[in-house]
Protein backbone atom coordinates (compact mmCIF):
# COMPACT_ATOMS: atom_id res chain seq x y z
CA UNK A 1 0.00 0.00 0.00
CA UNK A 2 1.47 3.34 -0.96
CA UNK A 3 1.08 6.55 1.03
CA UNK A 4 -1.43 9.17 0.00
CA UNK A 5 -0.48 11.35 -2.88
CA UNK A 6 -0.78 15.10 -2.70
CA UNK A 7 -3.95 15.00 -4.82
CA UNK A 8 -5.55 12.49 -2.44
CA UNK A 9 -4.72 14.63 0.57
CA UNK A 10 -6.13 17.72 -1.16
CA UNK A 11 -9.28 15.79 -2.07
CA UNK A 12 -9.73 14.62 1.53
CA UNK A 13 -9.23 18.15 2.83
CA UNK A 14 -11.83 19.40 0.34
CA UNK A 15 -14.27 16.73 1.53
CA UNK A 16 -13.65 17.66 5.18
CA UNK A 17 -14.21 21.35 4.45
CA UNK A 18 -17.38 20.58 2.53
CA UNK A 19 -18.60 18.35 5.35
CA UNK A 20 -18.06 21.16 7.87
CA UNK A 21 -19.86 23.63 5.60
CA UNK A 22 -22.84 21.28 5.27
CA UNK A 23 -22.93 20.74 9.03
CA UNK A 24 -22.99 24.51 9.55
CA UNK A 25 -25.80 24.89 7.00
CA UNK A 26 -27.79 22.14 8.69
CA UNK A 27 -27.33 23.78 12.09
CA UNK A 28 -28.48 27.15 10.69
CA UNK A 29 -31.54 25.54 9.12
CA UNK A 30 -32.34 23.82 12.42
CA UNK A 31 -32.11 27.13 14.29
CA UNK A 32 -34.38 28.80 11.73
CA UNK A 33 -36.88 25.97 12.03
CA UNK A 34 -36.78 26.21 15.84
CA UNK A 35 -37.29 29.98 15.68
CA UNK A 36 -40.26 29.56 13.34
CA UNK A 37 -41.77 26.95 15.63
CA UNK A 38 -41.27 29.21 18.64
CA UNK A 39 -42.97 32.07 16.79
CA UNK A 40 -45.94 29.84 15.96
CA UNK A 41 -46.27 28.75 19.58
CA UNK A 42 -46.00 32.38 20.73
CA UNK A 43 -48.79 33.42 18.35
CA UNK A 44 -50.95 30.53 19.52
CA UNK A 45 -50.43 31.43 23.18
CA UNK A 46 -51.16 35.10 22.54
CA UNK A 47 -54.43 34.12 20.86
CA UNK A 48 -55.36 31.95 23.84
CA UNK A 49 -54.53 34.77 26.27
CA UNK A 50 -56.63 37.23 24.27
CA UNK A 51 -59.61 34.87 24.30
CA UNK A 52 -59.20 34.24 28.02
CA UNK A 53 -59.04 37.99 28.68
CA UNK A 54 -62.28 38.57 26.79
CA UNK A 55 -63.99 35.79 28.74
CA UNK A 56 -62.66 37.13 32.03
CA UNK A 57 -63.95 40.64 31.26
CA UNK A 58 -67.34 39.20 30.27
CA UNK A 59 -67.47 37.28 33.57
CA UNK A 60 -66.45 40.40 35.53
CA UNK A 61 -69.30 42.35 33.92
CA UNK A 62 -71.80 39.62 34.81
CA UNK A 63 -70.47 39.49 38.37
CA UNK A 64 -70.72 43.27 38.71
CA UNK A 65 -74.31 43.21 37.46
CA UNK A 66 -75.15 40.40 39.89
CA UNK A 67 -73.53 42.26 42.78
CA UNK A 68 -75.36 45.48 41.90
CA UNK A 69 -78.65 43.59 41.83
CA UNK A 70 -77.92 42.01 45.22
CA UNK A 71 -76.97 45.32 46.80
CA UNK A 72 -80.59 46.51 46.75
CA UNK A 73 -82.81 45.38 49.62
CA UNK A 74 -85.18 42.52 48.83
CA UNK A 75 -88.30 44.68 49.01
CA UNK A 76 -86.93 47.08 46.42
CA UNK A 77 -86.17 44.16 44.11
CA UNK A 78 -89.81 43.07 44.37
CA UNK A 79 -90.99 46.51 43.20
CA UNK A 80 -88.73 46.52 40.22
C-alpha atoms as a PDB file:
ATOM      1  CA  UNK A   1       0.000   0.000   0.000  1.00  0.00           C
ATOM      2  CA  UNK A   2       1.467   3.336  -0.963  1.00  0.00           C
ATOM      3  CA  UNK A   3       1.081   6.555   1.025  1.00  0.00           C
ATOM      4  CA  UNK A   4      -1.434   9.173   0.005  1.00  0.00           C
ATOM      5  CA  UNK A   5      -0.482  11.346  -2.877  1.00  0.00           C
ATOM      6  CA  UNK A   6      -0.783  15.097  -2.701  1.00  0.00           C
ATOM      7  CA  UNK A   7      -3.953  14.998  -4.823  1.00  0.00           C
ATOM      8  CA  UNK A   8      -5.549  12.485  -2.439  1.00  0.00           C
ATOM      9  CA  UNK A   9      -4.724  14.631   0.574  1.00  0.00           C
ATOM     10  CA  UNK A  10      -6.129  17.717  -1.156  1.00  0.00           C
ATOM     11  CA  UNK A  11      -9.279  15.789  -2.072  1.00  0.00           C
ATOM     12  CA  UNK A  12      -9.729  14.618   1.529  1.00  0.00           C
ATOM     13  CA  UNK A  13      -9.227  18.150   2.832  1.00  0.00           C
ATOM     14  CA  UNK A  14     -11.834  19.396   0.337  1.00  0.00           C
ATOM     15  CA  UNK A  15     -14.272  16.734   1.529  1.00  0.00           C
ATOM     16  CA  UNK A  16     -13.652  17.663   5.178  1.00  0.00           C
ATOM     17  CA  UNK A  17     -14.206  21.351   4.448  1.00  0.00           C
ATOM     18  CA  UNK A  18     -17.380  20.577   2.527  1.00  0.00           C
ATOM     19  CA  UNK A  19     -18.604  18.351   5.348  1.00  0.00           C
ATOM     20  CA  UNK A  20     -18.055  21.159   7.869  1.00  0.00           C
ATOM     21  CA  UNK A  21     -19.864  23.626   5.602  1.00  0.00           C
ATOM     22  CA  UNK A  22     -22.835  21.279   5.271  1.00  0.00           C
ATOM     23  CA  UNK A  23     -22.931  20.736   9.034  1.00  0.00           C
ATOM     24  CA  UNK A  24     -22.992  24.514   9.548  1.00  0.00           C
ATOM     25  CA  UNK A  25     -25.804  24.887   7.001  1.00  0.00           C
ATOM     26  CA  UNK A  26     -27.790  22.140   8.685  1.00  0.00           C
ATOM     27  CA  UNK A  27     -27.335  23.784  12.088  1.00  0.00           C
ATOM     28  CA  UNK A  28     -28.482  27.146  10.686  1.00  0.00           C
ATOM     29  CA  UNK A  29     -31.544  25.536   9.121  1.00  0.00           C
ATOM     30  CA  UNK A  30     -32.343  23.821  12.415  1.00  0.00           C
ATOM     31  CA  UNK A  31     -32.112  27.132  14.294  1.00  0.00           C
ATOM     32  CA  UNK A  32     -34.377  28.799  11.733  1.00  0.00           C
ATOM     33  CA  UNK A  33     -36.878  25.973  12.033  1.00  0.00           C
ATOM     34  CA  UNK A  34     -36.784  26.207  15.836  1.00  0.00           C
ATOM     35  CA  UNK A  35     -37.287  29.978  15.677  1.00  0.00           C
ATOM     36  CA  UNK A  36     -40.264  29.563  13.342  1.00  0.00           C
ATOM     37  CA  UNK A  37     -41.770  26.948  15.630  1.00  0.00           C
ATOM     38  CA  UNK A  38     -41.268  29.211  18.643  1.00  0.00           C
ATOM     39  CA  UNK A  39     -42.967  32.072  16.793  1.00  0.00           C
ATOM     40  CA  UNK A  40     -45.940  29.838  15.961  1.00  0.00           C
ATOM     41  CA  UNK A  41     -46.271  28.748  19.584  1.00  0.00           C
ATOM     42  CA  UNK A  42     -45.996  32.377  20.728  1.00  0.00           C
ATOM     43  CA  UNK A  43     -48.786  33.425  18.347  1.00  0.00           C
ATOM     44  CA  UNK A  44     -50.949  30.533  19.518  1.00  0.00           C
ATOM     45  CA  UNK A  45     -50.426  31.428  23.176  1.00  0.00           C
ATOM     46  CA  UNK A  46     -51.160  35.097  22.542  1.00  0.00           C
ATOM     47  CA  UNK A  47     -54.430  34.123  20.860  1.00  0.00           C
ATOM     48  CA  UNK A  48     -55.364  31.948  23.838  1.00  0.00           C
ATOM     49  CA  UNK A  49     -54.533  34.765  26.274  1.00  0.00           C
ATOM     50  CA  UNK A  50     -56.629  37.227  24.266  1.00  0.00           C
ATOM     51  CA  UNK A  51     -59.614  34.868  24.305  1.00  0.00           C
ATOM     52  CA  UNK A  52     -59.201  34.236  28.025  1.00  0.00           C
ATOM     53  CA  UNK A  53     -59.039  37.985  28.682  1.00  0.00           C
ATOM     54  CA  UNK A  54     -62.279  38.566  26.785  1.00  0.00           C
ATOM     55  CA  UNK A  55     -63.994  35.791  28.741  1.00  0.00           C
ATOM     56  CA  UNK A  56     -62.664  37.133  32.031  1.00  0.00           C
ATOM     57  CA  UNK A  57     -63.952  40.639  31.261  1.00  0.00           C
ATOM     58  CA  UNK A  58     -67.336  39.196  30.274  1.00  0.00           C
ATOM     59  CA  UNK A  59     -67.469  37.281  33.565  1.00  0.00           C
ATOM     60  CA  UNK A  60     -66.451  40.396  35.525  1.00  0.00           C
ATOM     61  CA  UNK A  61     -69.299  42.349  33.916  1.00  0.00           C
ATOM     62  CA  UNK A  62     -71.797  39.624  34.805  1.00  0.00           C
ATOM     63  CA  UNK A  63     -70.474  39.495  38.367  1.00  0.00           C
ATOM     64  CA  UNK A  64     -70.724  43.271  38.710  1.00  0.00           C
ATOM     65  CA  UNK A  65     -74.313  43.208  37.463  1.00  0.00           C
ATOM     66  CA  UNK A  66     -75.154  40.398  39.889  1.00  0.00           C
ATOM     67  CA  UNK A  67     -73.530  42.263  42.777  1.00  0.00           C
ATOM     68  CA  UNK A  68     -75.360  45.479  41.896  1.00  0.00           C
ATOM     69  CA  UNK A  69     -78.648  43.589  41.834  1.00  0.00           C
ATOM     70  CA  UNK A  70     -77.924  42.012  45.221  1.00  0.00           C
ATOM     71  CA  UNK A  71     -76.972  45.318  46.802  1.00  0.00           C
ATOM     72  CA  UNK A  72     -80.586  46.506  46.753  1.00  0.00           C
ATOM     73  CA  UNK A  73     -82.810  45.376  49.620  1.00  0.00           C
ATOM     74  CA  UNK A  74     -85.175  42.517  48.828  1.00  0.00           C
ATOM     75  CA  UNK A  75     -88.302  44.676  49.008  1.00  0.00           C
ATOM     76  CA  UNK A  76     -86.930  47.075  46.424  1.00  0.00           C
ATOM     77  CA  UNK A  77     -86.167  44.162  44.113  1.00  0.00           C
ATOM     78  CA  UNK A  78     -89.814  43.073  44.369  1.00  0.00           C
ATOM     79  CA  UNK A  79     -90.989  46.507  43.202  1.00  0.00           C
ATOM     80  CA  UNK A  80     -88.730  46.520  40.216  1.00  0.00           C
END
